Amino acid sequence: MEKSAKIYIAGHRGMVGSAIHRKLVKEGYSNFVVRTSSELDLREQQAVREFFETEQPDYVFLAAAKVGGIMANNIYRAEFLYENLQIQNNVIDSAYRNGVKKLMFLGSSCIYPKLAPQPLQESALLTGLLEPTNEPYAIAKIAGIKMCEAYRSQYGCDFISVMPTNLYGPNDNYDLNKSHVLPAMIRKFHEAKEENKPFVELWGTGSPLREFLHADDLADACYFLMQNYSGAEFLNIGVGCDVTIKHLAEMIQRIVGYEGRINWNVEKPDGTPRKLMDVSRLHELGWKHQIELEDGIRLTYQDFLKKIETYAV
């Protein structure tokens, strides 16, 4: 990407989009075009087409999406499917129509079958049934991958897709009804500490294994791939190792300084038993993560403390 190029970051205020923006600024880029969701509703086809026709961006990072944890995914199934399909369909098609040089579509590791062999290789896509609780979101993301592949095949577009593992970091969502497991735990343990609660209740058994990637590492990988990768196949982005949810909870409990106990509600779902990404292809290209989990959680807790009033109960 040329330093003078106009870059559109869809979802620039979210955790992923803001991390990509920070990375690009650090690398010397300054010609950005961004819009908040109130300024540009990416679900509206005509509005997106007019935006692209007016702004004519050179490069696009498609990080905008409707996201959430197990609860939100399972409750708002229609919204997660419809809104994500609309967002990515409109942006990808408009990028093609207006001659965007390169587009990166950011998906999710939930695209893989629930019981796919571990670690998850890119070739496992569409080889089995999805995890039921987040199937609508996963189907939308799979459609995004296939759309980029189709536009590359039919029109020659340099559209690439990446599938990040579970993410965390600055500007995460700490809303307990919509957040993912790591930020939700940070908030729960912090509030329990402040309110001197004797225990914190967490869902499931604590046995599932999960991999976590800091948003700044993801942004670094995205920048690296936009510079060095134009393959037709999508790529996993992760760290290549995982921890149990129980170990994660104990780590966050220690970092936050909560001294009560953890009660595991085994009546609640665990979700996918394990979700570890095979990142060998990414490593072969020359990129590896830099931020280790405990260091990253400490940084993220500091970010949460800055936003504490926003999430006050």
Protein backbone atom coordinates (compact mmCIF):
# COMPACT_ATOMS: atom_id res chain seq x y z
CA MET A 1 0.00 0.00 0.00
CA GLU A 2 1.36 3.39 -1.02
CA LYS A 3 1.76 5.87 1.84
CA SER A 4 -0.45 8.36 -0.05
CA ALA A 5 -3.22 5.83 -0.74
CA LYS A 6 -6.75 6.51 0.47
CA ILE A 7 -7.73 3.82 2.96
CA TYR A 8 -11.26 3.03 4.10
CA ILE A 9 -11.56 1.19 7.42
CA ALA A 10 -15.12 -0.08 7.81
CA GLY A 11 -15.75 -0.37 11.54
CA HIS A 12 -12.96 2.03 12.54
CA ARG A 13 -14.30 2.62 16.05
CA GLY A 14 -14.54 -1.06 16.98
CA MET A 15 -11.80 -3.08 18.62
CA VAL A 16 -10.42 -4.45 15.34
CA GLY A 17 -10.90 -1.37 13.18
CA SER A 18 -9.36 0.98 15.74
CA ALA A 19 -6.36 -1.35 16.13
CA ILE A 20 -5.85 -1.36 12.35
CA HIS A 21 -6.08 2.43 12.32
CA ARG A 22 -3.46 2.73 15.10
CA LYS A 23 -1.14 0.39 13.23
CA LEU A 24 -1.45 2.27 9.93
CA VAL A 25 -0.86 5.64 11.61
CA LYS A 26 2.24 4.16 13.23
CA GLU A 27 3.43 3.02 9.80
CA GLY A 28 3.05 6.52 8.35
CA TYR A 29 -0.37 6.43 6.69
CA SER A 30 -2.63 9.45 7.05
CA ASN A 31 -5.12 9.48 4.15
CA PHE A 32 -8.07 7.74 5.80
CA VAL A 33 -11.76 7.85 5.01
CA VAL A 34 -14.02 6.74 7.85
CA ARG A 35 -17.68 6.99 8.75
CA THR A 36 -19.53 6.20 11.95
CA SER A 37 -22.56 3.92 11.75
CA SER A 38 -24.82 6.94 12.21
CA GLU A 39 -23.13 8.67 9.25
CA LEU A 40 -23.17 5.62 6.97
CA ASP A 41 -25.42 2.61 7.50
CA LEU A 42 -23.53 -0.21 5.83
CA ARG A 43 -26.72 -2.27 5.74
CA GLU A 44 -28.18 0.14 3.16
CA GLN A 45 -27.01 -0.70 -0.36
CA GLN A 46 -27.64 2.69 -1.98
CA ALA A 47 -25.91 4.60 0.81
CA VAL A 48 -22.82 2.37 0.52
CA ARG A 49 -22.73 2.69 -3.27
CA GLU A 50 -22.92 6.48 -3.07
CA PHE A 51 -20.17 6.55 -0.44
CA PHE A 52 -17.79 4.51 -2.61
CA GLU A 53 -18.61 6.52 -5.73
CA THR A 54 -17.86 9.76 -3.89
CA GLU A 55 -14.79 8.74 -1.88
CA GLN A 56 -13.12 6.26 -4.29
CA PRO A 57 -10.90 4.53 -1.68
CA ASP A 58 -7.81 2.65 -2.89
CA TYR A 59 -7.74 0.04 -0.11
CA VAL A 60 -10.47 -1.34 2.16
CA PHE A 61 -10.32 -3.12 5.51
CA LEU A 62 -13.76 -4.66 6.12
CA ALA A 63 -13.82 -4.91 9.91
CA ALA A 64 -17.43 -3.80 10.43
CA ALA A 65 -19.78 -6.48 11.74
CA LYS A 66 -22.51 -7.19 14.24
CA VAL A 67 -20.71 -9.23 16.90
CA GLY A 68 -21.34 -10.73 20.33
CA GLY A 69 -20.82 -13.69 22.63
CA ILE A 70 -22.76 -16.95 23.01
CA MET A 71 -25.83 -15.28 24.53
CA ALA A 72 -26.17 -12.55 21.91
CA ASN A 73 -25.46 -14.93 19.02
CA ASN A 74 -28.10 -17.36 20.22
CA ILE A 75 -30.82 -14.78 20.98
CA TYR A 76 -30.46 -12.40 18.03
CA ARG A 77 -30.07 -15.06 15.36
CA ALA A 78 -31.96 -13.25 12.60
CA GLU A 79 -30.12 -9.98 13.18
CA PHE A 80 -26.69 -11.62 13.19
CA LEU A 81 -27.40 -13.33 9.88
CA TYR A 82 -29.20 -10.50 8.07
CA GLU A 83 -27.10 -7.54 9.20
CA ASN A 84 -23.73 -9.19 8.61
CA LEU A 85 -24.77 -10.38 5.16
CA GLN A 86 -25.97 -6.89 4.26
CA ILE A 87 -22.81 -5.17 5.52
CA GLN A 88 -20.34 -7.40 3.70
CA ASN A 89 -22.40 -7.75 0.50
CA ASN A 90 -22.67 -3.98 0.14
CA VAL A 91 -19.03 -3.20 0.90
CA ILE A 92 -17.51 -5.99 -1.20
CA ASP A 93 -19.71 -5.29 -4.23
CA SER A 94 -19.14 -1.53 -4.06
CA ALA A 95 -15.40 -2.09 -3.74
CA TYR A 96 -15.49 -4.05 -7.00
CA ARG A 97 -17.69 -1.51 -8.78
CA ASN A 98 -15.36 1.35 -7.87
CA GLY A 99 -12.03 -0.27 -8.66
CA VAL A 100 -10.63 -0.74 -5.16
CA LYS A 101 -7.06 -2.03 -5.50
CA LYS A 102 -7.27 -4.45 -2.58
CA LEU A 103 -9.81 -5.42 0.06
CA MET A 104 -9.37 -7.45 3.23
CA PHE A 105 -12.41 -9.20 4.68
CA LEU A 106 -12.15 -10.10 8.35
CA GLY A 107 -14.08 -13.18 9.37
CA SER A 108 -14.07 -15.33 12.49
CA SER A 109 -12.85 -18.71 13.68
CA CYS A 110 -16.49 -19.71 14.28
CA ILE A 111 -16.73 -20.55 10.56
CA TYR A 112 -15.29 -24.00 11.29
CA PRO A 113 -17.35 -27.13 12.06
CA LYS A 114 -18.00 -27.69 15.76
CA LEU A 115 -16.12 -30.99 15.81
CA ALA A 116 -13.45 -30.27 13.20
CA PRO A 117 -10.01 -31.81 13.88
CA GLN A 118 -7.73 -29.61 15.99
CA PRO A 119 -5.86 -27.44 15.31
CA LEU A 120 -8.26 -25.95 12.76
CA GLN A 121 -6.80 -25.94 9.25
CA GLU A 122 -8.21 -23.71 6.54
CA SER A 123 -9.15 -26.85 4.59
CA ALA A 124 -11.69 -27.82 7.32
CA LEU A 125 -14.18 -25.19 6.09
CA LEU A 126 -17.58 -26.73 5.16
CA THR A 127 -16.58 -30.25 6.22
CA GLY A 128 -19.13 -30.61 9.05
CA LEU A 129 -21.93 -29.09 11.12
CA LEU A 130 -21.43 -25.70 12.77
CA GLU A 131 -21.75 -24.88 16.46
CA PRO A 132 -25.53 -24.27 16.79
CA THR A 133 -25.29 -21.28 19.15
CA ASN A 134 -23.50 -19.06 16.64
CA GLU A 135 -24.50 -20.68 13.36
CA PRO A 136 -26.13 -17.53 11.86
CA TYR A 137 -22.99 -15.44 12.40
CA ALA A 138 -20.79 -18.23 11.07
CA ILE A 139 -22.92 -18.64 7.93
CA ALA A 140 -22.66 -14.91 7.24
CA LYS A 141 -18.87 -15.01 7.57
CA ILE A 142 -18.60 -18.07 5.34
CA ALA A 143 -20.64 -16.19 2.74
CA GLY A 144 -18.17 -13.30 2.98
CA ILE A 145 -15.24 -15.62 2.29
CA LYS A 146 -17.03 -17.13 -0.69
CA MET A 147 -18.01 -13.72 -2.00
CA CYS A 148 -14.38 -12.57 -1.99
CA GLU A 149 -13.41 -15.81 -3.74
CA ALA A 150 -16.15 -15.36 -6.35
CA TYR A 151 -15.28 -11.73 -7.11
CA ARG A 152 -11.63 -12.74 -7.45
CA SER A 153 -12.52 -15.60 -9.77
CA GLN A 154 -15.05 -13.76 -11.93
CA TYR A 155 -13.69 -10.21 -11.93
CA GLY A 156 -10.03 -10.57 -10.98
CA CYS A 157 -10.40 -8.57 -7.75
CA ASP A 158 -7.53 -8.66 -5.25
CA PHE A 159 -9.88 -9.42 -2.36
CA ILE A 160 -8.39 -11.47 0.49
CA SER A 161 -9.97 -12.96 3.61
CA VAL A 162 -8.52 -13.61 7.06
CA MET A 163 -10.01 -15.55 9.95
CA PRO A 164 -8.86 -14.29 13.35
CA THR A 165 -9.12 -16.42 16.46
CA ASN A 166 -10.80 -15.05 19.63
CA LEU A 167 -9.78 -11.41 20.04
CA TYR A 168 -9.40 -9.05 22.96
CA GLY A 169 -7.82 -5.66 23.60
CA PRO A 170 -8.48 -1.90 23.67
CA ASN A 171 -12.00 -0.77 22.71
CA ASP A 172 -13.49 -4.17 23.43
CA ASN A 173 -17.17 -4.49 24.36
CA TYR A 174 -17.69 -5.08 28.10
CA ASP A 175 -21.51 -5.22 27.96
CA LEU A 176 -22.37 -8.47 29.77
CA ASN A 177 -25.25 -9.23 27.40
CA LYS A 178 -23.20 -8.79 24.22
CA SER A 179 -19.52 -9.26 25.04
CA HIS A 180 -17.21 -12.21 24.44
CA VAL A 181 -15.84 -14.37 27.23
CA LEU A 182 -12.62 -12.53 28.08
CA PRO A 183 -13.98 -8.96 28.41
CA ALA A 184 -17.07 -10.31 30.19
CA MET A 185 -14.83 -11.97 32.77
CA ILE A 186 -12.83 -8.79 33.27
CA ARG A 187 -15.99 -6.88 34.07
CA LYS A 188 -17.48 -9.61 36.27
CA PHE A 189 -14.35 -10.01 38.39
CA HIS A 190 -13.85 -6.25 38.67
CA GLU A 191 -17.42 -5.62 39.82
CA ALA A 192 -17.28 -8.54 42.24
CA LYS A 193 -14.09 -7.09 43.71
CA GLU A 194 -15.57 -3.60 44.02
CA GLU A 195 -18.79 -4.92 45.58
CA ASN A 196 -16.99 -7.47 47.78
CA LYS A 197 -19.05 -10.35 46.42
CA PRO A 198 -18.24 -13.83 47.78
CA PHE A 199 -18.31 -15.51 44.37
CA VAL A 200 -18.52 -14.96 40.61
CA GLU A 201 -20.73 -17.23 38.51
CA LEU A 202 -19.41 -18.28 35.13
CA TRP A 203 -21.11 -20.34 32.43
CA GLY A 204 -20.31 -23.97 31.68
CA THR A 205 -17.70 -26.29 33.13
CA GLY A 206 -14.57 -24.27 32.39
CA SER A 207 -13.18 -27.17 30.36
CA PRO A 208 -13.39 -25.80 26.77
CA LEU A 209 -10.09 -24.72 25.25
CA ARG A 210 -9.75 -21.32 23.61
CA GLU A 211 -7.04 -19.34 21.85
CA PHE A 212 -6.77 -15.57 22.34
CA LEU A 213 -5.09 -12.96 20.15
CA HIS A 214 -4.53 -9.33 21.14
CA ALA A 215 -6.15 -6.84 18.75
CA ASP A 216 -2.83 -5.04 18.18
CA ASP A 217 -1.27 -8.33 17.05
CA LEU A 218 -4.19 -8.86 14.67
CA ALA A 219 -3.69 -5.37 13.24
CA ASP A 220 -0.01 -6.10 12.74
CA ALA A 221 -0.89 -9.33 10.91
CA CYS A 222 -3.47 -7.56 8.73
CA TYR A 223 -0.95 -4.91 7.72
CA PHE A 224 1.64 -7.59 6.98
CA LEU A 225 -0.78 -9.54 4.79
CA MET A 226 -2.03 -6.50 2.88
CA GLN A 227 1.59 -5.90 1.97
CA ASN A 228 2.66 -9.48 1.33
CA TYR A 229 -0.31 -11.73 0.47
CA SER A 230 -2.68 -11.89 -2.48
CA GLY A 231 -3.63 -15.54 -2.46
CA ALA A 232 -7.08 -16.86 -3.30
CA GLU A 233 -7.31 -18.92 -0.08
CA PHE A 234 -8.26 -17.33 3.21
CA LEU A 235 -5.76 -17.42 6.09
CA ASN A 236 -6.08 -18.13 9.80
CA ILE A 237 -4.66 -15.54 12.19
CA GLY A 238 -3.89 -16.68 15.72
CA VAL A 239 -1.17 -17.54 18.21
CA GLY A 240 -1.13 -21.32 17.78
CA CYS A 241 -1.73 -22.25 21.45
CA ASP A 242 -4.76 -22.31 23.74
CA VAL A 243 -5.86 -22.34 27.38
CA THR A 244 -8.90 -23.72 29.21
CA ILE A 245 -11.64 -21.28 30.13
CA LYS A 246 -10.93 -22.23 33.76
CA HIS A 247 -7.28 -21.23 33.42
CA LEU A 248 -8.31 -18.00 31.69
CA ALA A 249 -10.74 -17.19 34.51
CA GLU A 250 -8.10 -17.79 37.17
CA MET A 251 -5.62 -15.62 35.28
CA ILE A 252 -8.09 -12.73 34.99
CA GLN A 253 -9.11 -13.17 38.64
CA ARG A 254 -5.46 -12.81 39.66
CA ILE A 255 -4.83 -9.77 37.42
CA VAL A 256 -7.97 -8.00 38.65
CA GLY A 257 -7.19 -8.90 42.27
CA TYR A 258 -10.51 -10.56 43.12
CA GLU A 259 -10.19 -12.88 46.15
CA GLY A 260 -13.61 -14.60 46.13
CA ARG A 261 -14.42 -17.96 44.56
CA ILE A 262 -15.62 -19.01 41.12
CA ASN A 263 -18.88 -20.95 40.77
CA TRP A 264 -19.28 -22.78 37.47
CA ASN A 265 -22.90 -23.04 36.28
CA VAL A 266 -22.83 -26.37 34.48
CA GLU A 267 -26.47 -25.93 33.40
CA LYS A 268 -25.25 -23.32 30.89
CA PRO A 269 -23.64 -24.25 27.54
CA ASP A 270 -19.90 -24.64 27.05
CA GLY A 271 -19.98 -24.00 23.32
CA THR A 272 -17.40 -25.63 21.06
CA PRO A 273 -15.11 -28.00 23.06
CA ARG A 274 -11.93 -26.64 21.49
CA LYS A 275 -11.10 -23.98 18.92
CA LEU A 276 -7.40 -23.75 18.18
CA MET A 277 -6.24 -22.30 14.87
CA ASP A 278 -3.57 -23.89 12.72
CA VAL A 279 -1.41 -20.87 11.87
CA SER A 280 1.36 -22.72 10.07
CA ARG A 281 0.60 -21.02 6.74
CA LEU A 282 0.81 -17.60 8.36
CA HIS A 283 4.07 -18.52 10.08
CA GLU A 284 5.48 -19.73 6.77
CA LEU A 285 4.76 -16.30 5.30
CA GLY A 286 6.87 -14.76 8.08
CA TRP A 287 4.45 -13.43 10.71
CA LYS A 288 4.09 -14.42 14.41
CA HIS A 289 2.33 -12.81 17.36
CA GLN A 290 4.26 -10.66 19.86
CA ILE A 291 1.89 -10.08 22.81
CA GLU A 292 1.57 -12.95 25.30
CA LEU A 293 -1.80 -13.58 26.93
CA GLU A 294 -1.08 -12.45 30.50
CA ASP A 295 0.60 -9.24 29.31
CA GLY A 296 -2.29 -8.58 26.96
CA ILE A 297 -4.91 -9.08 29.67
CA ARG A 298 -3.10 -6.61 31.93
CA LEU A 299 -3.19 -4.03 29.13
CA THR A 300 -6.84 -4.75 28.46
CA TYR A 301 -7.79 -4.40 32.13
CA GLN A 302 -6.21 -0.95 32.11
CA ASP A 303 -8.35 -0.11 29.09
CA PHE A 304 -11.45 -1.33 30.95
CA LEU A 305 -10.62 0.86 33.95
CA LYS A 306 -10.55 3.92 31.68
CA LYS A 307 -14.06 3.05 30.49
CA ILE A 308 -15.47 1.97 33.85
CA GLU A 309 -18.06 4.76 34.10
CA THR A 310 -19.51 3.79 30.72
CA TYR A 311 -20.21 0.29 32.02
CA ALA A 312 -21.38 1.21 35.50
CA VAL A 313 -24.42 -0.76 36.56
